[in-house]
Amino acid sequence: DCHMSKTWFQNLYRKYFDTTFQADLILFRVEYAKKILLQSDEK
């Protein structure tokens, strides 16, 4: 979607944000899960 190769995208992502795309995805999912865990009784 960004018109980049995977390698180019990963290199720029790490350069700009000092982390990886995958690490951010995990972190944001865990942060979201923390809210859901405290706001609901879902399994």
PDB file of all heavy atoms in Angstrom:
ATOM      1  N   ASP A   1       0.826  -1.214   0.000  1.00  0.00           N
ATOM      2  CA  ASP A   1       0.000   0.000   0.000  1.00  0.00           C
ATOM      3  C   ASP A   1       0.859   1.262   0.000  1.00  0.00           C
ATOM      4  O   ASP A   1       0.437   2.306  -0.514  1.00  0.00           O
ATOM      5  CB  ASP A   1      -0.921   0.014   1.227  1.00  0.00           C
ATOM      6  CG  ASP A   1      -2.043  -1.004   1.119  1.00  0.00           C
ATOM      7  OD1 ASP A   1      -2.306  -1.478  -0.001  1.00  0.00           O
ATOM      8  OD2 ASP A   1      -2.654  -1.332   2.163  1.00  0.00           O
ATOM      9  N   CYS A   2       2.044   1.178   0.591  1.00  0.00           N
ATOM     10  CA  CYS A   2       2.964   2.327   0.636  1.00  0.00           C
ATOM     11  C   CYS A   2       3.873   2.381  -0.591  1.00  0.00           C
ATOM     12  O   CYS A   2       4.748   3.257  -0.665  1.00  0.00           O
ATOM     13  CB  CYS A   2       3.821   2.265   1.893  1.00  0.00           C
ATOM     14  SG  CYS A   2       2.911   2.466   3.432  1.00  0.00           S
ATOM     15  N   HIS A   3       3.680   1.436  -1.516  1.00  0.00           N
ATOM     16  CA  HIS A   3       4.490   1.358  -2.740  1.00  0.00           C
ATOM     17  C   HIS A   3       5.972   1.174  -2.402  1.00  0.00           C
ATOM     18  O   HIS A   3       6.850   1.831  -2.965  1.00  0.00           O
ATOM     19  CB  HIS A   3       4.286   2.596  -3.614  1.00  0.00           C
ATOM     20  CG  HIS A   3       2.841   2.879  -3.925  1.00  0.00           C
ATOM     21  ND1 HIS A   3       2.099   2.084  -4.766  1.00  0.00           N
ATOM     22  CD2 HIS A   3       2.005   3.845  -3.469  1.00  0.00           C
ATOM     23  CE1 HIS A   3       0.860   2.559  -4.838  1.00  0.00           C
ATOM     24  NE2 HIS A   3       0.780   3.610  -4.053  1.00  0.00           N
ATOM     25  N   MET A   4       6.241   0.292  -1.435  1.00  0.00           N
ATOM     26  CA  MET A   4       7.602   0.003  -1.005  1.00  0.00           C
ATOM     27  C   MET A   4       7.805  -1.504  -0.957  1.00  0.00           C
ATOM     28  O   MET A   4       6.853  -2.271  -0.816  1.00  0.00           O
ATOM     29  CB  MET A   4       7.861   0.558   0.405  1.00  0.00           C
ATOM     30  CG  MET A   4       7.735   2.041   0.562  1.00  0.00           C
ATOM     31  SD  MET A   4       8.049   2.507   2.289  1.00  0.00           S
ATOM     32  CE  MET A   4       7.598   4.246   2.237  1.00  0.00           C
ATOM     33  N   SER A   5       9.071  -1.910  -1.048  1.00  0.00           N
ATOM     34  CA  SER A   5       9.391  -3.303  -0.757  1.00  0.00           C
ATOM     35  C   SER A   5       9.316  -3.514   0.752  1.00  0.00           C
ATOM     36  O   SER A   5       9.386  -2.556   1.532  1.00  0.00           O
ATOM     37  CB  SER A   5      10.805  -3.632  -1.248  1.00  0.00           C
ATOM     38  OG  SER A   5      11.771  -2.936  -0.461  1.00  0.00           O
ATOM     39  N   LYS A   6       9.190  -4.775   1.170  1.00  0.00           N
ATOM     40  CA  LYS A   6       9.138  -5.048   2.608  1.00  0.00           C
ATOM     41  C   LYS A   6      10.412  -4.597   3.307  1.00  0.00           C
ATOM     42  O   LYS A   6      10.369  -4.027   4.405  1.00  0.00           O
ATOM     43  CB  LYS A   6       8.922  -6.547   2.845  1.00  0.00           C
ATOM     44  CG  LYS A   6       7.556  -7.054   2.470  1.00  0.00           C
ATOM     45  CD  LYS A   6       7.326  -8.452   2.995  1.00  0.00           C
ATOM     46  CE  LYS A   6       8.286  -9.459   2.397  1.00  0.00           C
ATOM     47  NZ  LYS A   6       8.023 -10.830   2.891  1.00  0.00           N
ATOM     48  N   THR A   7      11.563  -4.819   2.684  1.00  0.00           N
ATOM     49  CA  THR A   7      12.840  -4.442   3.295  1.00  0.00           C
ATOM     50  C   THR A   7      12.949  -2.926   3.451  1.00  0.00           C
ATOM     51  O   THR A   7      13.373  -2.424   4.511  1.00  0.00           O
ATOM     52  CB  THR A   7      14.007  -4.967   2.448  1.00  0.00           C
ATOM     53  OG1 THR A   7      13.917  -6.387   2.354  1.00  0.00           O
ATOM     54  CG2 THR A   7      15.341  -4.577   3.073  1.00  0.00           C
ATOM     55  N   TRP A   8      12.571  -2.200   2.419  1.00  0.00           N
ATOM     56  CA  TRP A   8      12.646  -0.741   2.457  1.00  0.00           C
ATOM     57  C   TRP A   8      11.704  -0.192   3.532  1.00  0.00           C
ATOM     58  O   TRP A   8      12.067   0.685   4.317  1.00  0.00           O
ATOM     59  CB  TRP A   8      12.296  -0.179   1.083  1.00  0.00           C
ATOM     60  CG  TRP A   8      12.535   1.294   0.928  1.00  0.00           C
ATOM     61  CD1 TRP A   8      13.317   2.093   1.713  1.00  0.00           C
ATOM     62  CD2 TRP A   8      11.982   2.143  -0.068  1.00  0.00           C
ATOM     63  NE1 TRP A   8      13.301   3.391   1.270  1.00  0.00           N
ATOM     64  CE2 TRP A   8      12.477   3.452   0.176  1.00  0.00           C
ATOM     65  CE3 TRP A   8      11.132   1.935  -1.153  1.00  0.00           C
ATOM     66  CZ2 TRP A   8      12.138   4.540  -0.626  1.00  0.00           C
ATOM     67  CZ3 TRP A   8      10.801   3.016  -1.959  1.00  0.00           C
ATOM     68  CH2 TRP A   8      11.292   4.294  -1.698  1.00  0.00           C
ATOM     69  N   PHE A   9      10.484  -0.719   3.555  1.00  0.00           N
ATOM     70  CA  PHE A   9       9.512  -0.280   4.556  1.00  0.00           C
ATOM     71  C   PHE A   9      10.051  -0.533   5.964  1.00  0.00           C
ATOM     72  O   PHE A   9      10.001   0.343   6.827  1.00  0.00           O
ATOM     73  CB  PHE A   9       8.190  -1.028   4.356  1.00  0.00           C
ATOM     74  CG  PHE A   9       7.152  -0.711   5.398  1.00  0.00           C
ATOM     75  CD1 PHE A   9       6.274   0.346   5.226  1.00  0.00           C
ATOM     76  CD2 PHE A   9       7.054  -1.466   6.565  1.00  0.00           C
ATOM     77  CE1 PHE A   9       5.320   0.649   6.184  1.00  0.00           C
ATOM     78  CE2 PHE A   9       6.108  -1.181   7.529  1.00  0.00           C
ATOM     79  CZ  PHE A   9       5.240  -0.113   7.336  1.00  0.00           C
ATOM     80  N   GLN A  10      10.575  -1.723   6.228  1.00  0.00           N
ATOM     81  CA  GLN A  10      11.085  -2.065   7.558  1.00  0.00           C
ATOM     82  C   GLN A  10      12.249  -1.165   7.964  1.00  0.00           C
ATOM     83  O   GLN A  10      12.334  -0.724   9.111  1.00  0.00           O
ATOM     84  CB  GLN A  10      11.518  -3.530   7.595  1.00  0.00           C
ATOM     85  CG  GLN A  10      10.356  -4.519   7.581  1.00  0.00           C
ATOM     86  CD  GLN A  10      10.850  -5.947   7.485  1.00  0.00           C
ATOM     87  OE1 GLN A  10      11.537  -6.321   6.553  1.00  0.00           O
ATOM     88  NE2 GLN A  10      10.496  -6.757   8.477  1.00  0.00           N
ATOM     89  N   ASN A  11      13.144  -0.891   7.019  1.00  0.00           N
ATOM     90  CA  ASN A  11      14.296  -0.043   7.325  1.00  0.00           C
ATOM     91  C   ASN A  11      13.864   1.377   7.670  1.00  0.00           C
ATOM     92  O   ASN A  11      14.376   1.984   8.622  1.00  0.00           O
ATOM     93  CB  ASN A  11      15.265  -0.019   6.141  1.00  0.00           C
ATOM     94  CG  ASN A  11      16.015  -1.330   5.984  1.00  0.00           C
ATOM     95  OD1 ASN A  11      16.096  -2.122   6.921  1.00  0.00           O
ATOM     96  ND2 ASN A  11      16.559  -1.565   4.806  1.00  0.00           N
ATOM     97  N   LEU A  12      12.929   1.937   6.899  1.00  0.00           N
ATOM     98  CA  LEU A  12      12.452   3.292   7.171  1.00  0.00           C
ATOM     99  C   LEU A  12      11.679   3.345   8.485  1.00  0.00           C
ATOM    100  O   LEU A  12      11.813   4.303   9.256  1.00  0.00           O
ATOM    101  CB  LEU A  12      11.575   3.789   6.023  1.00  0.00           C
ATOM    102  CG  LEU A  12      12.292   4.170   4.730  1.00  0.00           C
ATOM    103  CD1 LEU A  12      11.288   4.608   3.671  1.00  0.00           C
ATOM    104  CD2 LEU A  12      13.313   5.282   4.966  1.00  0.00           C
ATOM    105  N   TYR A  13      10.871   2.324   8.742  1.00  0.00           N
ATOM    106  CA  TYR A  13      10.081   2.291   9.972  1.00  0.00           C
ATOM    107  C   TYR A  13      10.998   2.323  11.199  1.00  0.00           C
ATOM    108  O   TYR A  13      10.781   3.080  12.145  1.00  0.00           O
ATOM    109  CB  TYR A  13       9.208   1.037   9.998  1.00  0.00           C
ATOM    110  CG  TYR A  13       8.029   1.116  10.936  1.00  0.00           C
ATOM    111  CD1 TYR A  13       6.748   1.410  10.453  1.00  0.00           C
ATOM    112  CD2 TYR A  13       8.176   0.883  12.304  1.00  0.00           C
ATOM    113  CE1 TYR A  13       5.663   1.470  11.304  1.00  0.00           C
ATOM    114  CE2 TYR A  13       7.090   0.947  13.153  1.00  0.00           C
ATOM    115  CZ  TYR A  13       5.838   1.245  12.652  1.00  0.00           C
ATOM    116  OH  TYR A  13       4.754   1.320  13.501  1.00  0.00           O
ATOM    117  N   ARG A  14      12.046   1.514  11.161  1.00  0.00           N
ATOM    118  CA  ARG A  14      12.990   1.487  12.281  1.00  0.00           C
ATOM    119  C   ARG A  14      13.744   2.817  12.388  1.00  0.00           C
ATOM    120  O   ARG A  14      13.978   3.321  13.498  1.00  0.00           O
ATOM    121  CB  ARG A  14      13.983   0.339  12.114  1.00  0.00           C
ATOM    122  CG  ARG A  14      14.961   0.208  13.283  1.00  0.00           C
ATOM    123  CD  ARG A  14      15.998  -0.870  13.010  1.00  0.00           C
ATOM    124  NE  ARG A  14      15.438  -2.198  13.065  1.00  0.00           N
ATOM    125  CZ  ARG A  14      15.267  -2.887  14.187  1.00  0.00           C
ATOM    126  NH1 ARG A  14      15.623  -2.355  15.347  1.00  0.00           N
ATOM    127  NH2 ARG A  14      14.757  -4.096  14.161  1.00  0.00           N
ATOM    128  N   LYS A  15      14.106   3.387  11.268  1.00  0.00           N
ATOM    129  CA  LYS A  15      14.828   4.668  11.268  1.00  0.00           C
ATOM    130  C   LYS A  15      13.975   5.775  11.874  1.00  0.00           C
ATOM    131  O   LYS A  15      14.446   6.559  12.703  1.00  0.00           O
ATOM    132  CB  LYS A  15      15.214   5.033   9.833  1.00  0.00           C
ATOM    133  CG  LYS A  15      15.880   6.401   9.685  1.00  0.00           C
ATOM    134  CD  LYS A  15      16.190   6.696   8.227  1.00  0.00           C
ATOM    135  CE  LYS A  15      16.785   8.082   8.057  1.00  0.00           C
ATOM    136  NZ  LYS A  15      17.071   8.380   6.623  1.00  0.00           N
ATOM    137  N   TYR A  16      12.698   5.854  11.482  1.00  0.00           N
ATOM    138  CA  TYR A  16      11.837   6.946  11.926  1.00  0.00           C
ATOM    139  C   TYR A  16      11.380   6.789  13.376  1.00  0.00           C
ATOM    140  O   TYR A  16      11.275   7.763  14.115  1.00  0.00           O
ATOM    141  CB  TYR A  16      10.607   7.050  11.028  1.00  0.00           C
ATOM    142  CG  TYR A  16      10.897   7.489   9.600  1.00  0.00           C
ATOM    143  CD1 TYR A  16      10.022   7.138   8.574  1.00  0.00           C
ATOM    144  CD2 TYR A  16      12.027   8.233   9.279  1.00  0.00           C
ATOM    145  CE1 TYR A  16      10.273   7.536   7.262  1.00  0.00           C
ATOM    146  CE2 TYR A  16      12.274   8.624   7.974  1.00  0.00           C
ATOM    147  CZ  TYR A  16      11.400   8.272   6.966  1.00  0.00           C
ATOM    148  OH  TYR A  16      11.641   8.661   5.673  1.00  0.00           O
ATOM    149  N   PHE A  17      11.098   5.548  13.794  1.00  0.00           N
ATOM    150  CA  PHE A  17      10.429   5.340  15.080  1.00  0.00           C
ATOM    151  C   PHE A  17      11.261   4.548  16.091  1.00  0.00           C
ATOM    152  O   PHE A  17      10.789   4.295  17.193  1.00  0.00           O
ATOM    153  CB  PHE A  17       9.085   4.644  14.854  1.00  0.00           C
ATOM    154  CG  PHE A  17       8.241   5.292  13.801  1.00  0.00           C
ATOM    155  CD1 PHE A  17       7.761   4.564  12.718  1.00  0.00           C
ATOM    156  CD2 PHE A  17       7.944   6.648  13.862  1.00  0.00           C
ATOM    157  CE1 PHE A  17       6.990   5.159  11.732  1.00  0.00           C
ATOM    158  CE2 PHE A  17       7.175   7.255  12.881  1.00  0.00           C
ATOM    159  CZ  PHE A  17       6.703   6.512  11.809  1.00  0.00           C
ATOM    160  N   ASP A  18      12.467   4.154  15.701  1.00  0.00           N
ATOM    161  CA  ASP A  18      13.376   3.443  16.599  1.00  0.00           C
ATOM    162  C   ASP A  18      12.754   2.158  17.146  1.00  0.00           C
ATOM    163  O   ASP A  18      12.976   1.771  18.292  1.00  0.00           O
ATOM    164  CB  ASP A  18      13.808   4.356  17.752  1.00  0.00           C
ATOM    165  CG  ASP A  18      15.053   3.836  18.458  1.00  0.00           C
ATOM    166  OD1 ASP A  18      15.873   3.176  17.791  1.00  0.00           O
ATOM    167  OD2 ASP A  18      15.204   4.076  19.667  1.00  0.00           O
ATOM    168  N   THR A  19      11.941   1.527  16.338  1.00  0.00           N
ATOM    169  CA  THR A  19      11.337   0.232  16.670  1.00  0.00           C
ATOM    170  C   THR A  19      10.913  -0.418  15.369  1.00  0.00           C
ATOM    171  O   THR A  19      11.051   0.175  14.291  1.00  0.00           O
ATOM    172  CB  THR A  19      10.139   0.399  17.624  1.00  0.00           C
ATOM    173  OG1 THR A  19       9.703  -0.893  18.079  1.00  0.00           O
ATOM    174  CG2 THR A  19       8.973   1.109  16.946  1.00  0.00           C
ATOM    175  N   THR A  20      10.397  -1.639  15.434  1.00  0.00           N
ATOM    176  CA  THR A  20       9.965  -2.320  14.221  1.00  0.00           C
ATOM    177  C   THR A  20       8.438  -2.279  14.098  1.00  0.00           C
ATOM    178  O   THR A  20       7.729  -2.077  15.084  1.00  0.00           O
ATOM    179  CB  THR A  20      10.412  -3.790  14.222  1.00  0.00           C
ATOM    180  OG1 THR A  20       9.743  -4.478  15.295  1.00  0.00           O
ATOM    181  CG2 THR A  20      11.918  -3.889  14.405  1.00  0.00           C
ATOM    182  N   PHE A  21       7.981  -2.522  12.888  1.00  0.00           N
ATOM    183  CA  PHE A  21       6.539  -2.603  12.649  1.00  0.00           C
ATOM    184  C   PHE A  21       5.920  -3.697  13.515  1.00  0.00           C
ATOM    185  O   PHE A  21       4.884  -3.498  14.157  1.00  0.00           O
ATOM    186  CB  PHE A  21       6.295  -2.892  11.161  1.00  0.00           C
ATOM    187  CG  PHE A  21       4.977  -3.556  10.879  1.00  0.00           C
ATOM    188  CD1 PHE A  21       3.803  -2.827  10.889  1.00  0.00           C
ATOM    189  CD2 PHE A  21       4.913  -4.917  10.611  1.00  0.00           C
ATOM    190  CE1 PHE A  21       2.574  -3.450  10.643  1.00  0.00           C
ATOM    191  CE2 PHE A  21       3.705  -5.538  10.355  1.00  0.00           C
ATOM    192  CZ  PHE A  21       2.537  -4.802  10.377  1.00  0.00           C
ATOM    193  N   GLN A  22       6.563  -4.857  13.578  1.00  0.00           N
ATOM    194  CA  GLN A  22       5.998  -5.976  14.326  1.00  0.00           C
ATOM    195  C   GLN A  22       5.954  -5.684  15.817  1.00  0.00           C
ATOM    196  O   GLN A  22       4.967  -6.004  16.502  1.00  0.00           O
ATOM    197  CB  GLN A  22       6.810  -7.252  14.069  1.00  0.00           C
ATOM    198  CG  GLN A  22       6.141  -8.519  14.565  1.00  0.00           C
ATOM    199  CD  GLN A  22       4.814  -8.798  13.869  1.00  0.00           C
ATOM    200  OE1 GLN A  22       4.662  -8.543  12.672  1.00  0.00           O
ATOM    201  NE2 GLN A  22       3.842  -9.311  14.621  1.00  0.00           N
ATOM    202  N   ALA A  23       7.004  -5.033  16.344  1.00  0.00           N
ATOM    203  CA  ALA A  23       7.027  -4.697  17.768  1.00  0.00           C
ATOM    204  C   ALA A  23       5.916  -3.704  18.104  1.00  0.00           C
ATOM    205  O   ALA A  23       5.267  -3.803  19.151  1.00  0.00           O
ATOM    206  CB  ALA A  23       8.384  -4.108  18.148  1.00  0.00           C
ATOM    207  N   ASP A  24       5.692  -2.724  17.217  1.00  0.00           N
ATOM    208  CA  ASP A  24       4.608  -1.766  17.433  1.00  0.00           C
ATOM    209  C   ASP A  24       3.253  -2.465  17.410  1.00  0.00           C
ATOM    210  O   ASP A  24       2.382  -2.184  18.239  1.00  0.00           O
ATOM    211  CB  ASP A  24       4.640  -0.669  16.359  1.00  0.00           C
ATOM    212  CG  ASP A  24       5.286   0.613  16.866  1.00  0.00           C
ATOM    213  OD1 ASP A  24       5.558   0.723  18.072  1.00  0.00           O
ATOM    214  OD2 ASP A  24       5.497   1.529  16.041  1.00  0.00           O
ATOM    215  N   LEU A  25       3.053  -3.354  16.453  1.00  0.00           N
ATOM    216  CA  LEU A  25       1.772  -4.055  16.345  1.00  0.00           C
ATOM    217  C   LEU A  25       1.484  -4.842  17.623  1.00  0.00           C
ATOM    218  O   LEU A  25       0.361  -4.800  18.153  1.00  0.00           O
ATOM    219  CB  LEU A  25       1.787  -4.991  15.135  1.00  0.00           C
ATOM    220  CG  LEU A  25       0.527  -5.835  14.902  1.00  0.00           C
ATOM    221  CD1 LEU A  25      -0.703  -4.946  14.747  1.00  0.00           C
ATOM    222  CD2 LEU A  25       0.698  -6.732  13.683  1.00  0.00           C
ATOM    223  N   ILE A  26       2.485  -5.533  18.140  1.00  0.00           N
ATOM    224  CA  ILE A  26       2.304  -6.285  19.383  1.00  0.00           C
ATOM    225  C   ILE A  26       1.987  -5.334  20.540  1.00  0.00           C
ATOM    226  O   ILE A  26       1.061  -5.575  21.331  1.00  0.00           O
ATOM    227  CB  ILE A  26       3.558  -7.120  19.692  1.00  0.00           C
ATOM    228  CG1 ILE A  26       3.742  -8.213  18.640  1.00  0.00           C
ATOM    229  CG2 ILE A  26       3.476  -7.733  21.092  1.00  0.00           C
ATOM    230  CD1 ILE A  26       5.088  -8.920  18.718  1.00  0.00           C
ATOM    231  N   LEU A  27       2.766  -4.259  20.651  1.00  0.00           N
ATOM    232  CA  LEU A  27       2.570  -3.309  21.743  1.00  0.00           C
ATOM    233  C   LEU A  27       1.170  -2.702  21.705  1.00  0.00           C
ATOM    234  O   LEU A  27       0.482  -2.636  22.737  1.00  0.00           O
ATOM    235  CB  LEU A  27       3.609  -2.201  21.662  1.00  0.00           C
ATOM    236  CG  LEU A  27       3.480  -1.077  22.699  1.00  0.00           C
ATOM    237  CD1 LEU A  27       3.657  -1.628  24.110  1.00  0.00           C
ATOM    238  CD2 LEU A  27       4.482   0.023  22.407  1.00  0.00           C
ATOM    239  N   PHE A  28       0.719  -2.275  20.535  1.00  0.00           N
ATOM    240  CA  PHE A  28      -0.589  -1.627  20.430  1.00  0.00           C
ATOM    241  C   PHE A  28      -1.717  -2.626  20.693  1.00  0.00           C
ATOM    242  O   PHE A  28      -2.753  -2.265  21.269  1.00  0.00           O
ATOM    243  CB  PHE A  28      -0.758  -0.981  19.049  1.00  0.00           C
ATOM    244  CG  PHE A  28       0.215   0.132  18.769  1.00  0.00           C
ATOM    245  CD1 PHE A  28       0.654   0.380  17.483  1.00  0.00           C
ATOM    246  CD2 PHE A  28       0.702   0.927  19.803  1.00  0.00           C
ATOM    247  CE1 PHE A  28       1.548   1.407  17.227  1.00  0.00           C
ATOM    248  CE2 PHE A  28       1.596   1.956  19.552  1.00  0.00           C
ATOM    249  CZ  PHE A  28       2.028   2.196  18.258  1.00  0.00           C
ATOM    250  N   ARG A  29      -1.534  -3.875  20.287  1.00  0.00           N
ATOM    251  CA  ARG A  29      -2.556  -4.890  20.570  1.00  0.00           C
ATOM    252  C   ARG A  29      -2.630  -5.188  22.068  1.00  0.00           C
ATOM    253  O   ARG A  29      -3.721  -5.349  22.616  1.00  0.00           O
ATOM    254  CB  ARG A  29      -2.256  -6.168  19.774  1.00  0.00           C
ATOM    255  CG  ARG A  29      -2.683  -6.075  18.323  1.00  0.00           C
ATOM    256  CD  ARG A  29      -2.396  -7.328  17.543  1.00  0.00           C
ATOM    257  NE  ARG A  29      -3.045  -7.270  16.227  1.00  0.00           N
ATOM    258  CZ  ARG A  29      -2.838  -8.143  15.252  1.00  0.00           C
ATOM    259  NH1 ARG A  29      -1.999  -9.160  15.435  1.00  0.00           N
ATOM    260  NH2 ARG A  29      -3.464  -8.020  14.095  1.00  0.00           N
ATOM    261  N   VAL A  30      -1.483  -5.249  22.709  1.00  0.00           N
ATOM    262  CA  VAL A  30      -1.469  -5.513  24.153  1.00  0.00           C
ATOM    263  C   VAL A  30      -2.091  -4.333  24.908  1.00  0.00           C
ATOM    264  O   VAL A  30      -2.876  -4.536  25.853  1.00  0.00           O
ATOM    265  CB  VAL A  30      -0.037  -5.795  24.646  1.00  0.00           C
ATOM    266  CG1 VAL A  30       0.040  -5.763  26.167  1.00  0.00           C
ATOM    267  CG2 VAL A  30       0.443  -7.148  24.119  1.00  0.00           C
ATOM    268  N   GLU A  31      -1.771  -3.093  24.505  1.00  0.00           N
ATOM    269  CA  GLU A  31      -2.366  -1.921  25.148  1.00  0.00           C
ATOM    270  C   GLU A  31      -3.883  -1.927  24.992  1.00  0.00           C
ATOM    271  O   GLU A  31      -4.624  -1.597  25.922  1.00  0.00           O
ATOM    272  CB  GLU A  31      -1.775  -0.639  24.568  1.00  0.00           C
ATOM    273  CG  GLU A  31      -0.336  -0.377  24.974  1.00  0.00           C
ATOM    274  CD  GLU A  31      -0.185  -0.236  26.483  1.00  0.00           C
ATOM    275  OE1 GLU A  31      -0.984   0.495  27.094  1.00  0.00           O
ATOM    276  OE2 GLU A  31       0.716  -0.880  27.050  1.00  0.00           O
ATOM    277  N   TYR A  32      -4.334  -2.322  23.811  1.00  0.00           N
ATOM    278  CA  TYR A  32      -5.774  -2.400  23.567  1.00  0.00           C
ATOM    279  C   TYR A  32      -6.398  -3.507  24.421  1.00  0.00           C
ATOM    280  O   TYR A  32      -7.461  -3.326  25.025  1.00  0.00           O
ATOM    281  CB  TYR A  32      -6.010  -2.661  22.079  1.00  0.00           C
ATOM    282  CG  TYR A  32      -7.462  -2.631  21.654  1.00  0.00           C
ATOM    283  CD1 TYR A  32      -8.211  -1.464  21.729  1.00  0.00           C
ATOM    284  CD2 TYR A  32      -8.077  -3.782  21.157  1.00  0.00           C
ATOM    285  CE1 TYR A  32      -9.532  -1.439  21.328  1.00  0.00           C
ATOM    286  CE2 TYR A  32      -9.394  -3.765  20.754  1.00  0.00           C
ATOM    287  CZ  TYR A  32     -10.125  -2.588  20.836  1.00  0.00           C
ATOM    288  OH  TYR A  32     -11.438  -2.565  20.441  1.00  0.00           O
ATOM    289  N   ALA A  33      -5.715  -4.648  24.506  1.00  0.00           N
ATOM    290  CA  ALA A  33      -6.223  -5.771  25.293  1.00  0.00           C
ATOM    291  C   ALA A  33      -6.343  -5.400  26.762  1.00  0.00           C
ATOM    292  O   ALA A  33      -7.289  -5.825  27.448  1.00  0.00           O
ATOM    293  CB  ALA A  33      -5.304  -6.983  25.119  1.00  0.00           C
ATOM    294  N   LYS A  34      -5.395  -4.612  27.275  1.00  0.00           N
ATOM    295  CA  LYS A  34      -5.435  -4.195  28.682  1.00  0.00           C
ATOM    296  C   LYS A  34      -6.731  -3.439  28.989  1.00  0.00           C
ATOM    297  O   LYS A  34      -7.363  -3.640  30.034  1.00  0.00           O
ATOM    298  CB  LYS A  34      -4.219  -3.329  29.003  1.00  0.00           C
ATOM    299  CG  LYS A  34      -2.930  -4.131  29.126  1.00  0.00           C
ATOM    300  CD  LYS A  34      -1.685  -3.274  28.995  1.00  0.00           C
ATOM    301  CE  LYS A  34      -1.539  -2.289  30.116  1.00  0.00           C
ATOM    302  NZ  LYS A  34      -0.250  -1.540  30.006  1.00  0.00           N
ATOM    303  N   LYS A  35      -7.143  -2.587  28.075  1.00  0.00           N
ATOM    304  CA  LYS A  35      -8.385  -1.843  28.273  1.00  0.00           C
ATOM    305  C   LYS A  35      -9.595  -2.777  28.272  1.00  0.00           C
ATOM    306  O   LYS A  35     -10.480  -2.661  29.116  1.00  0.00           O
ATOM    307  CB  LYS A  35      -8.540  -0.785  27.177  1.00  0.00           C
ATOM    308  CG  LYS A  35      -7.470   0.284  27.179  1.00  0.00           C
ATOM    309  CD  LYS A  35      -7.680   1.246  26.015  1.00  0.00           C
ATOM    310  CE  LYS A  35      -6.564   2.270  25.947  1.00  0.00           C
ATOM    311  NZ  LYS A  35      -6.716   3.184  24.789  1.00  0.00           N
ATOM    312  N   ILE A  36      -9.611  -3.704  27.307  1.00  0.00           N
ATOM    313  CA  ILE A  36     -10.750  -4.618  27.195  1.00  0.00           C
ATOM    314  C   ILE A  36     -10.840  -5.533  28.414  1.00  0.00           C
ATOM    315  O   ILE A  36     -11.935  -5.819  28.924  1.00  0.00           O
ATOM    316  CB  ILE A  36     -10.649  -5.459  25.907  1.00  0.00           C
ATOM    317  CG1 ILE A  36     -10.581  -4.543  24.677  1.00  0.00           C
ATOM    318  CG2 ILE A  36     -11.834  -6.410  25.798  1.00  0.00           C
ATOM    319  CD1 ILE A  36     -11.770  -3.630  24.504  1.00  0.00           C
ATOM    320  N   LEU A  37      -9.710  -5.973  28.915  1.00  0.00           N
ATOM    321  CA  LEU A  37      -9.701  -6.856  30.084  1.00  0.00           C
ATOM    322  C   LEU A  37     -10.331  -6.199  31.302  1.00  0.00           C
ATOM    323  O   LEU A  37     -11.021  -6.856  32.093  1.00  0.00           O
ATOM    324  CB  LEU A  37      -8.258  -7.271  30.418  1.00  0.00           C
ATOM    325  CG  LEU A  37      -7.628  -8.320  29.500  1.00  0.00           C
ATOM    326  CD1 LEU A  37      -6.124  -8.358  29.712  1.00  0.00           C
ATOM    327  CD2 LEU A  37      -8.243  -9.699  29.742  1.00  0.00           C
ATOM    328  N   LEU A  38     -10.104  -4.900  31.469  1.00  0.00           N
ATOM    329  CA  LEU A  38     -10.636  -4.200  32.636  1.00  0.00           C
ATOM    330  C   LEU A  38     -12.038  -3.648  32.414  1.00  0.00           C
ATOM    331  O   LEU A  38     -12.718  -3.291  33.362  1.00  0.00           O
ATOM    332  CB  LEU A  38      -9.688  -3.060  33.031  1.00  0.00           C
ATOM    333  CG  LEU A  38      -8.260  -3.476  33.403  1.00  0.00           C
ATOM    334  CD1 LEU A  38      -7.456  -2.271  33.861  1.00  0.00           C
ATOM    335  CD2 LEU A  38      -8.262  -4.554  34.476  1.00  0.00           C
ATOM    336  N   GLN A  39     -12.463  -3.591  31.159  1.00  0.00           N
ATOM    337  CA  GLN A  39     -13.770  -3.003  30.858  1.00  0.00           C
ATOM    338  C   GLN A  39     -14.837  -4.051  30.582  1.00  0.00           C
ATOM    339  O   GLN A  39     -16.010  -3.711  30.401  1.00  0.00           O
ATOM    340  CB  GLN A  39     -13.654  -2.064  29.643  1.00  0.00           C
ATOM    341  CG  GLN A  39     -12.822  -0.818  29.910  1.00  0.00           C
ATOM    342  CD  GLN A  39     -12.568  -0.004  28.665  1.00  0.00           C
ATOM    343  OE1 GLN A  39     -13.017  -0.347  27.565  1.00  0.00           O
ATOM    344  NE2 GLN A  39     -11.844   1.098  28.802  1.00  0.00           N
ATOM    345  N   SER A  40     -14.446  -5.316  30.527  1.00  0.00           N
ATOM    346  CA  SER A  40     -15.426  -6.362  30.225  1.00  0.00           C
ATOM    347  C   SER A  40     -15.073  -7.648  30.965  1.00  0.00           C
ATOM    348  O   SER A  40     -13.984  -7.793  31.517  1.00  0.00           O
ATOM    349  CB  SER A  40     -15.459  -6.639  28.715  1.00  0.00           C
ATOM    350  OG  SER A  40     -14.343  -7.421  28.320  1.00  0.00           O
ATOM    351  N   ASP A  41     -16.018  -8.579  30.937  1.00  0.00           N
ATOM    352  CA  ASP A  41     -15.808  -9.901  31.530  1.00  0.00           C
ATOM    353  C   ASP A  41     -15.658 -10.971  30.451  1.00  0.00           C
ATOM    354  O   ASP A  41     -15.818 -12.170  30.730  1.00  0.00           O
ATOM    355  CB  ASP A  41     -16.990 -10.260  32.443  1.00  0.00           C
ATOM    356  CG  ASP A  41     -17.095  -9.321  33.639  1.00  0.00           C
ATOM    357  OD1 ASP A  41     -16.043  -8.937  34.174  1.00  0.00           O
ATOM    358  OD2 ASP A  41     -18.227  -8.964  34.018  1.00  0.00           O
ATOM    359  N   GLU A  42     -15.363 -10.560  29.232  1.00  0.00           N
ATOM    360  CA  GLU A  42     -15.245 -11.510  28.132  1.00  0.00           C
ATOM    361  C   GLU A  42     -14.108 -12.503  28.392  1.00  0.00           C
ATOM    362  O   GLU A  42     -13.104 -12.193  29.026  1.00  0.00           O
ATOM    363  CB  GLU A  42     -14.993 -10.775  26.820  1.00  0.00           C
ATOM    364  CG  GLU A  42     -16.126  -9.851  26.379  1.00  0.00           C
ATOM    365  CD  GLU A  42     -17.362 -10.612  25.915  1.00  0.00           C
ATOM    366  OE1 GLU A  42     -17.298 -11.867  25.810  1.00  0.00           O
ATOM    367  OE2 GLU A  42     -18.389  -9.949  25.657  1.00  0.00           O
ATOM    368  N   LYS A  43     -14.263 -13.706  27.849  1.00  0.00           N
ATOM    369  CA  LYS A  43     -13.247 -14.737  28.003  1.00  0.00           C
ATOM    370  C   LYS A  43     -12.019 -14.416  27.150  1.00  0.00           C
ATOM    371  O   LYS A  43     -12.102 -13.691  26.157  1.00  0.00           O
ATOM    372  CB  LYS A  43     -13.825 -16.090  27.607  1.00  0.00           C
ATOM    373  CG  LYS A  43     -14.929 -16.569  28.555  1.00  0.00           C
ATOM    374  CD  LYS A  43     -15.449 -17.947  28.153  1.00  0.00           C
ATOM    375  CE  LYS A  43     -16.519 -18.431  29.126  1.00  0.00           C
ATOM    376  NZ  LYS A  43     -17.051 -19.763  28.750  1.00  0.00           N
TER     377      LYS A  43
END
